[in-house]
Every structure is written in structure tokens, then in C-alpha cells.
N, C-alpha and C. Protein backbone atom coordinates (compact mmCIF):
# COMPACT_ATOMS: atom_id res chain seq x y z
N MET A 1 -2.07 33.46 -36.28
CA MET A 1 -1.93 32.54 -37.37
C MET A 1 -0.60 31.83 -37.33
N ARG A 2 0.41 32.44 -36.77
CA ARG A 2 1.72 31.80 -36.77
C ARG A 2 2.41 31.95 -35.42
N GLY A 3 1.79 32.56 -34.47
CA GLY A 3 2.41 32.69 -33.15
C GLY A 3 3.45 33.77 -33.05
N GLY A 4 3.38 34.79 -33.91
CA GLY A 4 4.28 35.91 -33.82
C GLY A 4 5.63 35.71 -34.47
N VAL A 5 5.77 34.71 -35.32
CA VAL A 5 7.05 34.44 -35.97
C VAL A 5 6.88 34.56 -37.48
N ASP A 6 6.20 35.59 -37.92
CA ASP A 6 5.95 35.77 -39.35
C ASP A 6 7.23 35.88 -40.16
N GLN A 7 8.28 36.45 -39.58
CA GLN A 7 9.54 36.63 -40.31
C GLN A 7 10.20 35.28 -40.65
N ALA A 8 9.77 34.19 -40.03
CA ALA A 8 10.36 32.88 -40.30
C ALA A 8 9.78 32.20 -41.54
N SER A 9 8.71 32.75 -42.07
CA SER A 9 8.08 32.14 -43.23
C SER A 9 8.93 32.29 -44.49
N VAL A 10 8.95 31.24 -45.30
CA VAL A 10 9.67 31.29 -46.57
C VAL A 10 8.72 31.57 -47.74
N ASP A 11 7.43 31.58 -47.49
CA ASP A 11 6.44 31.84 -48.53
C ASP A 11 6.45 33.33 -48.87
N LYS A 12 6.56 33.66 -50.14
CA LYS A 12 6.67 35.06 -50.58
C LYS A 12 5.44 35.89 -50.26
N ILE A 13 4.27 35.27 -50.20
CA ILE A 13 3.04 36.03 -49.97
C ILE A 13 2.61 36.02 -48.51
N TRP A 14 3.36 35.32 -47.64
CA TRP A 14 2.91 35.13 -46.26
C TRP A 14 2.58 36.44 -45.55
N ARG A 15 3.48 37.38 -45.58
CA ARG A 15 3.32 38.62 -44.80
C ARG A 15 2.02 39.34 -45.14
N GLU A 16 1.78 39.56 -46.42
CA GLU A 16 0.58 40.28 -46.85
C GLU A 16 -0.69 39.46 -46.61
N ALA A 17 -0.61 38.16 -46.90
CA ALA A 17 -1.78 37.30 -46.72
C ALA A 17 -2.14 37.16 -45.24
N ALA A 18 -1.14 37.00 -44.40
CA ALA A 18 -1.39 36.87 -42.96
C ALA A 18 -2.00 38.16 -42.41
N TRP A 19 -1.50 39.30 -42.86
CA TRP A 19 -2.08 40.57 -42.42
C TRP A 19 -3.54 40.65 -42.85
N GLU A 20 -3.83 40.28 -44.08
CA GLU A 20 -5.20 40.35 -44.59
C GLU A 20 -6.14 39.50 -43.75
N VAL A 21 -5.72 38.30 -43.41
CA VAL A 21 -6.57 37.42 -42.61
C VAL A 21 -6.77 37.97 -41.21
N ARG A 22 -5.70 38.45 -40.58
CA ARG A 22 -5.80 38.94 -39.20
C ARG A 22 -6.43 40.32 -39.08
N GLU A 23 -6.06 41.25 -39.95
CA GLU A 23 -6.44 42.65 -39.79
C GLU A 23 -7.43 43.17 -40.81
N GLY A 24 -7.46 42.58 -41.99
CA GLY A 24 -8.29 43.09 -43.07
C GLY A 24 -9.78 42.98 -42.78
N GLY A 25 -10.56 43.82 -43.44
CA GLY A 25 -11.99 43.84 -43.22
C GLY A 25 -12.81 43.41 -44.42
N ILE A 26 -12.14 43.04 -45.51
CA ILE A 26 -12.86 42.67 -46.73
C ILE A 26 -12.90 41.16 -46.85
N THR A 27 -14.11 40.60 -46.78
CA THR A 27 -14.28 39.15 -46.78
C THR A 27 -13.64 38.49 -47.99
N GLU A 28 -13.83 39.03 -49.18
CA GLU A 28 -13.30 38.41 -50.39
C GLU A 28 -11.77 38.36 -50.37
N ASP A 29 -11.13 39.40 -49.87
CA ASP A 29 -9.67 39.41 -49.79
C ASP A 29 -9.16 38.38 -48.79
N THR A 30 -9.89 38.21 -47.69
CA THR A 30 -9.53 37.21 -46.70
C THR A 30 -9.66 35.81 -47.29
N GLU A 31 -10.72 35.57 -48.03
CA GLU A 31 -10.91 34.26 -48.68
C GLU A 31 -9.75 33.97 -49.64
N LYS A 32 -9.37 34.95 -50.43
CA LYS A 32 -8.26 34.77 -51.38
C LYS A 32 -6.97 34.45 -50.63
N ALA A 33 -6.72 35.15 -49.52
CA ALA A 33 -5.50 34.93 -48.75
C ALA A 33 -5.48 33.53 -48.14
N LEU A 34 -6.60 33.09 -47.61
CA LEU A 34 -6.67 31.74 -47.03
C LEU A 34 -6.40 30.68 -48.09
N LYS A 35 -6.98 30.86 -49.26
CA LYS A 35 -6.78 29.90 -50.34
C LYS A 35 -5.34 29.94 -50.85
N ALA A 36 -4.76 31.13 -50.94
CA ALA A 36 -3.38 31.26 -51.41
C ALA A 36 -2.40 30.58 -50.45
N LEU A 37 -2.72 30.60 -49.17
CA LEU A 37 -1.87 29.97 -48.17
C LEU A 37 -2.21 28.49 -47.97
N ASN A 38 -3.19 28.02 -48.72
CA ASN A 38 -3.61 26.61 -48.67
C ASN A 38 -4.11 26.22 -47.28
N ILE A 39 -4.87 27.11 -46.65
CA ILE A 39 -5.43 26.85 -45.33
C ILE A 39 -6.78 26.18 -45.49
N ASN A 40 -6.99 25.08 -44.78
CA ASN A 40 -8.24 24.33 -44.87
C ASN A 40 -9.24 24.68 -43.77
N TYR A 41 -8.74 24.99 -42.59
CA TYR A 41 -9.59 25.34 -41.46
C TYR A 41 -8.98 26.54 -40.74
N ILE A 42 -9.85 27.34 -40.12
CA ILE A 42 -9.35 28.48 -39.35
C ILE A 42 -10.17 28.60 -38.07
N VAL A 43 -9.48 28.81 -36.95
CA VAL A 43 -10.12 28.97 -35.65
C VAL A 43 -10.22 30.46 -35.34
N VAL A 44 -11.42 30.88 -34.98
CA VAL A 44 -11.69 32.30 -34.71
C VAL A 44 -12.35 32.40 -33.34
N HIS A 45 -11.93 33.39 -32.56
CA HIS A 45 -12.52 33.64 -31.24
C HIS A 45 -13.23 34.99 -31.30
N ASN A 46 -14.53 35.01 -31.00
CA ASN A 46 -15.25 36.28 -30.98
C ASN A 46 -15.30 36.82 -29.56
N ASP A 47 -16.06 37.89 -29.34
CA ASP A 47 -16.11 38.55 -28.04
C ASP A 47 -16.67 37.67 -26.92
N GLN A 48 -17.40 36.64 -27.27
CA GLN A 48 -17.99 35.74 -26.27
C GLN A 48 -17.00 34.67 -25.79
N SER A 49 -15.87 34.56 -26.44
CA SER A 49 -14.88 33.52 -26.13
C SER A 49 -14.11 33.85 -24.84
N ALA A 50 -13.79 32.82 -24.09
CA ALA A 50 -12.96 32.97 -22.90
C ALA A 50 -11.47 33.00 -23.26
N GLU A 51 -11.14 32.74 -24.51
CA GLU A 51 -9.75 32.80 -24.98
C GLU A 51 -9.19 34.20 -24.75
N PHE A 52 -8.02 34.28 -24.15
CA PHE A 52 -7.41 35.57 -23.86
C PHE A 52 -6.97 36.29 -25.13
N TYR A 53 -6.31 35.55 -26.03
CA TYR A 53 -5.75 36.17 -27.22
C TYR A 53 -6.72 36.05 -28.39
N HIS A 54 -7.15 37.17 -28.90
CA HIS A 54 -8.05 37.20 -30.06
C HIS A 54 -7.24 37.70 -31.25
N ASP A 55 -6.97 36.79 -32.18
CA ASP A 55 -6.05 37.05 -33.28
C ASP A 55 -6.63 37.93 -34.37
N PHE A 56 -7.95 37.99 -34.50
CA PHE A 56 -8.57 38.64 -35.65
C PHE A 56 -9.31 39.91 -35.26
N LYS A 57 -9.06 40.96 -36.02
CA LYS A 57 -9.64 42.27 -35.74
C LYS A 57 -11.11 42.36 -36.17
N ASN A 58 -11.45 41.81 -37.31
CA ASN A 58 -12.80 41.92 -37.88
C ASN A 58 -13.43 40.55 -38.03
N VAL A 59 -13.84 39.96 -36.91
CA VAL A 59 -14.35 38.59 -36.94
C VAL A 59 -15.66 38.45 -37.71
N GLU A 60 -16.39 39.53 -37.86
CA GLU A 60 -17.67 39.46 -38.58
C GLU A 60 -17.48 39.11 -40.06
N LYS A 61 -16.31 39.35 -40.60
CA LYS A 61 -16.07 39.04 -42.02
C LYS A 61 -16.15 37.53 -42.28
N PHE A 62 -15.91 36.72 -41.26
CA PHE A 62 -15.97 35.28 -41.44
C PHE A 62 -17.41 34.78 -41.56
N GLU A 63 -18.36 35.59 -41.11
CA GLU A 63 -19.78 35.22 -41.17
C GLU A 63 -20.42 35.59 -42.50
N ASN A 64 -19.80 36.45 -43.26
CA ASN A 64 -20.42 37.04 -44.46
C ASN A 64 -20.07 36.34 -45.76
N THR A 65 -19.91 35.03 -45.74
CA THR A 65 -19.49 34.34 -46.95
C THR A 65 -20.00 32.91 -46.99
N THR A 66 -20.16 32.41 -48.18
CA THR A 66 -20.51 30.99 -48.33
C THR A 66 -19.27 30.15 -48.55
N ASN A 67 -18.11 30.79 -48.73
CA ASN A 67 -16.86 30.06 -48.95
C ASN A 67 -16.17 29.64 -47.66
N LEU A 68 -16.67 30.13 -46.53
CA LEU A 68 -16.19 29.71 -45.22
C LEU A 68 -17.39 29.12 -44.49
N VAL A 69 -17.36 27.83 -44.27
CA VAL A 69 -18.48 27.14 -43.65
C VAL A 69 -18.18 26.91 -42.17
N LYS A 70 -19.11 27.36 -41.32
CA LYS A 70 -18.92 27.17 -39.89
C LYS A 70 -18.97 25.68 -39.58
N PHE A 71 -17.88 25.17 -39.07
CA PHE A 71 -17.71 23.74 -38.80
C PHE A 71 -17.99 23.44 -37.33
N PHE A 72 -17.71 24.41 -36.45
CA PHE A 72 -17.86 24.23 -35.01
C PHE A 72 -18.12 25.60 -34.38
N GLU A 73 -18.98 25.62 -33.35
CA GLU A 73 -19.20 26.85 -32.59
C GLU A 73 -19.59 26.50 -31.17
N GLU A 74 -18.84 27.07 -30.21
CA GLU A 74 -19.15 26.86 -28.81
C GLU A 74 -18.55 27.99 -27.98
N LEU A 75 -19.39 28.69 -27.24
CA LEU A 75 -18.95 29.73 -26.31
C LEU A 75 -18.00 30.75 -26.93
N GLY A 76 -18.29 31.17 -28.16
CA GLY A 76 -17.48 32.19 -28.82
C GLY A 76 -16.26 31.68 -29.56
N ASP A 77 -16.04 30.37 -29.53
CA ASP A 77 -14.94 29.77 -30.28
C ASP A 77 -15.53 29.11 -31.52
N LEU A 78 -15.01 29.50 -32.69
CA LEU A 78 -15.56 29.01 -33.94
C LEU A 78 -14.47 28.41 -34.82
N ILE A 79 -14.83 27.39 -35.56
CA ILE A 79 -13.93 26.82 -36.56
C ILE A 79 -14.65 26.87 -37.88
N TYR A 80 -13.97 27.42 -38.89
CA TYR A 80 -14.52 27.51 -40.24
C TYR A 80 -13.72 26.62 -41.17
N LYS A 81 -14.43 25.95 -42.07
CA LYS A 81 -13.79 25.18 -43.14
C LYS A 81 -13.73 26.07 -44.37
N VAL A 82 -12.56 26.16 -44.97
CA VAL A 82 -12.38 26.97 -46.17
C VAL A 82 -12.76 26.12 -47.37
N GLN A 83 -13.73 26.59 -48.15
CA GLN A 83 -14.22 25.85 -49.33
C GLN A 83 -13.38 26.15 -50.54
């Protein structure tokens, strides 16, 4: 989400929200974190992706909601729009 420079953020909620999006397994908490950080789109790579670095631990949580709309999908690379 930030390229490994989380300590550079000045947003008070960044650390917890970024962890929730990357590592958390609860869809509703991830949605809240994305909205709190004012994120409009998020790129996710699943097991089918050729991308070497997979930032998210529980990618299935992005599929279990109507508040994240799949905007793009190709070869395991997905883009979701945050509603």
C-alpha cells in the first residue's frame, strides 16, 4: 500500500488502517479502513497473478462485499473501486 515506508505517514490512523487492509481478514473492517484513508481504488494480486509481490494476506475478503466493485480483472490482477 505504501512501498514499505509506513513510518513516513503523517495520518494518525495510517498504521492500523494499512495493517487492516494488508493483513486483516474481516471484510467490514477493511472497508472501513479504505474509506477512512480516502482510497478510491485498490489493486489486488491473487495466486494466479504473475506479480512477484503479493501485498494482501486474505485476498478473498475483497470478493465478499458489495462495497468493493471489481473494476478490472486479468490473469490474477484485480482492481476494485471502493464505493
